[in-house]
Amino acid sequence: HAGSQVPDLSPEEVKAALVPQAVAMLPSLKLAAAAALAEKTKQEEAVQEHLQMMGKCPVGFEWLKAEGGYRCAGGSHFVCDG
């Protein structure tokens, strides 16, 4: 900003100012991470339930987690998880 003065702080002073702020944020970050993990787990459980209802792939192979979904153990079939 024009005309604003930024104080000259040593690295130690910057660290001393930022550490308490970071420590104060940790509980909120932990809660957010736990909520995100719970949601991901819930979605994964729903996908697993759907795969159980579908059964094995058309030629009898089990479904294995792959990027973006599930691929049958035979490698020929894919189910998107989105």
N, C-alpha and C. Protein backbone atom coordinates (compact mmCIF):
# COMPACT_ATOMS: atom_id res chain seq x y z
N HIS A 1 0.84 -1.18 0.00
CA HIS A 1 0.00 0.00 0.00
C HIS A 1 0.89 1.24 0.00
N ALA A 2 0.48 2.24 -0.72
CA ALA A 2 1.27 3.46 -0.80
C ALA A 2 1.33 4.13 0.56
N GLY A 3 2.54 4.50 0.95
CA GLY A 3 2.72 5.22 2.20
C GLY A 3 2.73 4.36 3.44
N SER A 4 2.44 3.05 3.34
CA SER A 4 2.44 2.22 4.54
C SER A 4 3.87 1.82 4.88
N GLN A 5 4.13 1.75 6.13
CA GLN A 5 5.46 1.38 6.62
C GLN A 5 5.44 -0.05 7.13
N VAL A 6 6.37 -0.86 6.66
CA VAL A 6 6.51 -2.22 7.14
C VAL A 6 7.69 -2.23 8.10
N PRO A 7 7.46 -2.63 9.34
CA PRO A 7 8.58 -2.61 10.29
C PRO A 7 9.65 -3.62 9.90
N ASP A 8 10.87 -3.27 10.19
CA ASP A 8 11.98 -4.20 9.98
C ASP A 8 12.02 -5.16 11.16
N LEU A 9 11.68 -6.43 10.88
CA LEU A 9 11.68 -7.45 11.92
C LEU A 9 12.73 -8.50 11.61
N SER A 10 13.34 -8.98 12.64
CA SER A 10 14.30 -10.07 12.46
C SER A 10 13.51 -11.36 12.23
N PRO A 11 14.15 -12.38 11.66
CA PRO A 11 13.46 -13.66 11.51
C PRO A 11 12.92 -14.20 12.84
N GLU A 12 13.66 -13.98 13.90
CA GLU A 12 13.20 -14.46 15.22
C GLU A 12 11.94 -13.74 15.66
N GLU A 13 11.86 -12.43 15.37
CA GLU A 13 10.68 -11.66 15.75
C GLU A 13 9.45 -12.08 14.92
N VAL A 14 9.70 -12.36 13.65
CA VAL A 14 8.61 -12.83 12.80
C VAL A 14 8.10 -14.17 13.31
N LYS A 15 9.03 -15.07 13.62
CA LYS A 15 8.65 -16.38 14.14
C LYS A 15 7.89 -16.24 15.46
N ALA A 16 8.36 -15.38 16.33
CA ALA A 16 7.70 -15.17 17.62
C ALA A 16 6.28 -14.64 17.44
N ALA A 17 6.06 -13.85 16.39
CA ALA A 17 4.72 -13.31 16.13
C ALA A 17 3.81 -14.36 15.50
N LEU A 18 4.37 -15.23 14.65
CA LEU A 18 3.54 -16.17 13.91
C LEU A 18 3.24 -17.47 14.65
N VAL A 19 4.14 -17.94 15.47
CA VAL A 19 3.94 -19.22 16.15
C VAL A 19 2.66 -19.23 16.98
N PRO A 20 2.40 -18.22 17.80
CA PRO A 20 1.14 -18.25 18.57
C PRO A 20 -0.10 -18.28 17.68
N GLN A 21 -0.04 -17.59 16.54
CA GLN A 21 -1.18 -17.61 15.63
C GLN A 21 -1.39 -19.01 15.05
N ALA A 22 -0.29 -19.64 14.67
CA ALA A 22 -0.37 -20.99 14.11
C ALA A 22 -0.90 -21.97 15.15
N VAL A 23 -0.41 -21.86 16.37
CA VAL A 23 -0.86 -22.75 17.45
C VAL A 23 -2.36 -22.54 17.71
N ALA A 24 -2.82 -21.30 17.65
CA ALA A 24 -4.24 -21.02 17.88
C ALA A 24 -5.12 -21.60 16.79
N MET A 25 -4.58 -21.75 15.58
CA MET A 25 -5.35 -22.29 14.45
C MET A 25 -5.41 -23.82 14.44
N LEU A 26 -4.51 -24.48 15.13
CA LEU A 26 -4.42 -25.93 15.06
C LEU A 26 -5.73 -26.66 15.40
N PRO A 27 -6.43 -26.31 16.46
CA PRO A 27 -7.68 -27.03 16.75
C PRO A 27 -8.69 -26.96 15.59
N SER A 28 -8.83 -25.79 14.98
CA SER A 28 -9.76 -25.66 13.85
C SER A 28 -9.32 -26.49 12.67
N LEU A 29 -8.01 -26.50 12.40
CA LEU A 29 -7.48 -27.29 11.30
C LEU A 29 -7.69 -28.77 11.53
N LYS A 30 -7.48 -29.20 12.78
CA LYS A 30 -7.68 -30.62 13.11
C LYS A 30 -9.14 -31.02 12.92
N LEU A 31 -10.06 -30.15 13.35
CA LEU A 31 -11.49 -30.43 13.17
C LEU A 31 -11.86 -30.51 11.69
N ALA A 32 -11.33 -29.60 10.89
CA ALA A 32 -11.62 -29.60 9.46
C ALA A 32 -11.07 -30.86 8.80
N ALA A 33 -9.87 -31.27 9.19
CA ALA A 33 -9.28 -32.48 8.62
C ALA A 33 -10.08 -33.71 9.02
N ALA A 34 -10.52 -33.77 10.26
CA ALA A 34 -11.32 -34.90 10.73
C ALA A 34 -12.66 -34.96 9.99
N ALA A 35 -13.28 -33.81 9.77
CA ALA A 35 -14.55 -33.77 9.04
C ALA A 35 -14.37 -34.22 7.59
N ALA A 36 -13.28 -33.79 6.97
CA ALA A 36 -13.02 -34.19 5.59
C ALA A 36 -12.77 -35.69 5.50
N LEU A 37 -12.04 -36.23 6.46
CA LEU A 37 -11.78 -37.67 6.48
C LEU A 37 -13.06 -38.45 6.70
N ALA A 38 -13.92 -37.97 7.59
CA ALA A 38 -15.19 -38.65 7.84
C ALA A 38 -16.07 -38.66 6.59
N GLU A 39 -16.09 -37.54 5.87
CA GLU A 39 -16.89 -37.46 4.64
C GLU A 39 -16.33 -38.41 3.58
N LYS A 40 -15.01 -38.46 3.45
CA LYS A 40 -14.39 -39.36 2.48
C LYS A 40 -14.69 -40.81 2.83
N THR A 41 -14.61 -41.13 4.11
CA THR A 41 -14.91 -42.49 4.57
C THR A 41 -16.37 -42.84 4.28
N LYS A 42 -17.27 -41.90 4.52
CA LYS A 42 -18.70 -42.12 4.25
C LYS A 42 -18.93 -42.39 2.77
N GLN A 43 -18.28 -41.61 1.90
CA GLN A 43 -18.41 -41.81 0.46
C GLN A 43 -17.84 -43.15 0.04
N GLU A 44 -16.71 -43.52 0.60
CA GLU A 44 -16.08 -44.80 0.26
C GLU A 44 -16.98 -45.96 0.70
N GLU A 45 -17.61 -45.83 1.85
CA GLU A 45 -18.52 -46.88 2.32
C GLU A 45 -19.72 -47.03 1.37
N ALA A 46 -20.23 -45.91 0.87
CA ALA A 46 -21.34 -45.96 -0.07
C ALA A 46 -20.93 -46.65 -1.37
N VAL A 47 -19.72 -46.35 -1.84
CA VAL A 47 -19.22 -46.98 -3.06
C VAL A 47 -19.04 -48.48 -2.83
N GLN A 48 -18.48 -48.85 -1.69
CA GLN A 48 -18.28 -50.26 -1.38
C GLN A 48 -19.62 -51.01 -1.32
N GLU A 49 -20.62 -50.36 -0.74
CA GLU A 49 -21.95 -50.97 -0.66
C GLU A 49 -22.51 -51.18 -2.07
N HIS A 50 -22.34 -50.20 -2.93
CA HIS A 50 -22.81 -50.31 -4.31
C HIS A 50 -22.08 -51.44 -5.05
N LEU A 51 -20.76 -51.53 -4.85
CA LEU A 51 -20.00 -52.61 -5.49
C LEU A 51 -20.45 -53.98 -4.99
N GLN A 52 -20.77 -54.07 -3.70
CA GLN A 52 -21.26 -55.33 -3.15
C GLN A 52 -22.57 -55.73 -3.82
N MET A 53 -23.45 -54.75 -4.05
CA MET A 53 -24.73 -55.04 -4.69
C MET A 53 -24.52 -55.45 -6.15
N MET A 54 -23.54 -54.83 -6.82
CA MET A 54 -23.25 -55.17 -8.21
C MET A 54 -22.65 -56.57 -8.33
N GLY A 55 -21.89 -56.94 -7.32
CA GLY A 55 -21.19 -58.22 -7.39
C GLY A 55 -19.88 -58.08 -8.15
N LYS A 56 -19.36 -59.18 -8.59
CA LYS A 56 -18.09 -59.19 -9.30
C LYS A 56 -18.28 -58.63 -10.70
N CYS A 57 -17.17 -58.40 -11.39
CA CYS A 57 -17.24 -57.89 -12.76
C CYS A 57 -17.90 -58.96 -13.65
N PRO A 58 -18.24 -58.60 -14.88
CA PRO A 58 -18.95 -59.54 -15.75
C PRO A 58 -18.27 -60.90 -15.96
N VAL A 59 -16.94 -60.95 -15.77
CA VAL A 59 -16.26 -62.24 -15.95
C VAL A 59 -15.79 -62.83 -14.61
N GLY A 60 -16.29 -62.28 -13.50
CA GLY A 60 -16.08 -62.90 -12.19
C GLY A 60 -14.91 -62.39 -11.35
N PHE A 61 -14.29 -61.28 -11.74
CA PHE A 61 -13.18 -60.76 -10.95
C PHE A 61 -13.66 -59.78 -9.88
N GLU A 62 -12.90 -59.67 -8.81
CA GLU A 62 -13.17 -58.70 -7.74
C GLU A 62 -12.81 -57.29 -8.22
N TRP A 63 -13.38 -56.27 -7.57
CA TRP A 63 -13.08 -54.88 -7.88
C TRP A 63 -11.95 -54.39 -7.00
N LEU A 64 -10.99 -53.69 -7.58
CA LEU A 64 -9.84 -53.14 -6.86
C LEU A 64 -9.82 -51.62 -7.04
N LYS A 65 -9.51 -50.91 -5.96
CA LYS A 65 -9.46 -49.44 -6.01
C LYS A 65 -8.39 -49.02 -7.00
N ALA A 66 -8.73 -48.06 -7.86
CA ALA A 66 -7.81 -47.49 -8.84
C ALA A 66 -8.07 -45.99 -8.91
N GLU A 67 -7.21 -45.26 -9.56
CA GLU A 67 -7.39 -43.82 -9.68
C GLU A 67 -8.70 -43.52 -10.41
N GLY A 68 -9.58 -42.79 -9.73
CA GLY A 68 -10.84 -42.39 -10.35
C GLY A 68 -11.96 -43.41 -10.24
N GLY A 69 -11.71 -44.55 -9.62
CA GLY A 69 -12.76 -45.55 -9.49
C GLY A 69 -12.23 -46.91 -9.11
N TYR A 70 -12.80 -47.94 -9.72
CA TYR A 70 -12.42 -49.33 -9.42
C TYR A 70 -12.23 -50.08 -10.73
N ARG A 71 -11.17 -50.86 -10.79
CA ARG A 71 -10.89 -51.71 -11.95
C ARG A 71 -10.99 -53.15 -11.47
N CYS A 72 -11.52 -54.00 -12.33
CA CYS A 72 -11.62 -55.41 -11.94
C CYS A 72 -10.21 -56.02 -11.92
N ALA A 73 -10.05 -57.05 -11.12
CA ALA A 73 -8.74 -57.70 -10.98
C ALA A 73 -8.24 -58.27 -12.31
N GLY A 74 -9.13 -58.51 -13.25
CA GLY A 74 -8.73 -58.98 -14.58
C GLY A 74 -8.23 -57.85 -15.46
N GLY A 75 -8.54 -56.60 -15.07
CA GLY A 75 -8.05 -55.43 -15.78
C GLY A 75 -8.90 -54.94 -16.92
N SER A 76 -9.98 -55.61 -17.24
CA SER A 76 -10.78 -55.27 -18.42
C SER A 76 -11.97 -54.36 -18.14
N HIS A 77 -12.41 -54.26 -16.89
CA HIS A 77 -13.63 -53.50 -16.58
C HIS A 77 -13.31 -52.40 -15.57
N PHE A 78 -14.02 -51.28 -15.69
CA PHE A 78 -13.79 -50.14 -14.82
C PHE A 78 -15.12 -49.53 -14.41
N VAL A 79 -15.21 -49.14 -13.12
CA VAL A 79 -16.38 -48.46 -12.60
C VAL A 79 -15.90 -47.14 -12.01
N CYS A 80 -16.46 -46.03 -12.48
CA CYS A 80 -16.09 -44.70 -11.99
C CYS A 80 -16.67 -44.51 -10.60
N ASP A 81 -15.90 -43.87 -9.71
CA ASP A 81 -16.42 -43.63 -8.36
C ASP A 81 -17.04 -42.26 -8.22
N GLY A 82 -17.23 -41.56 -9.29
CA GLY A 82 -17.78 -40.19 -9.23
C GLY A 82 -19.18 -40.10 -9.57
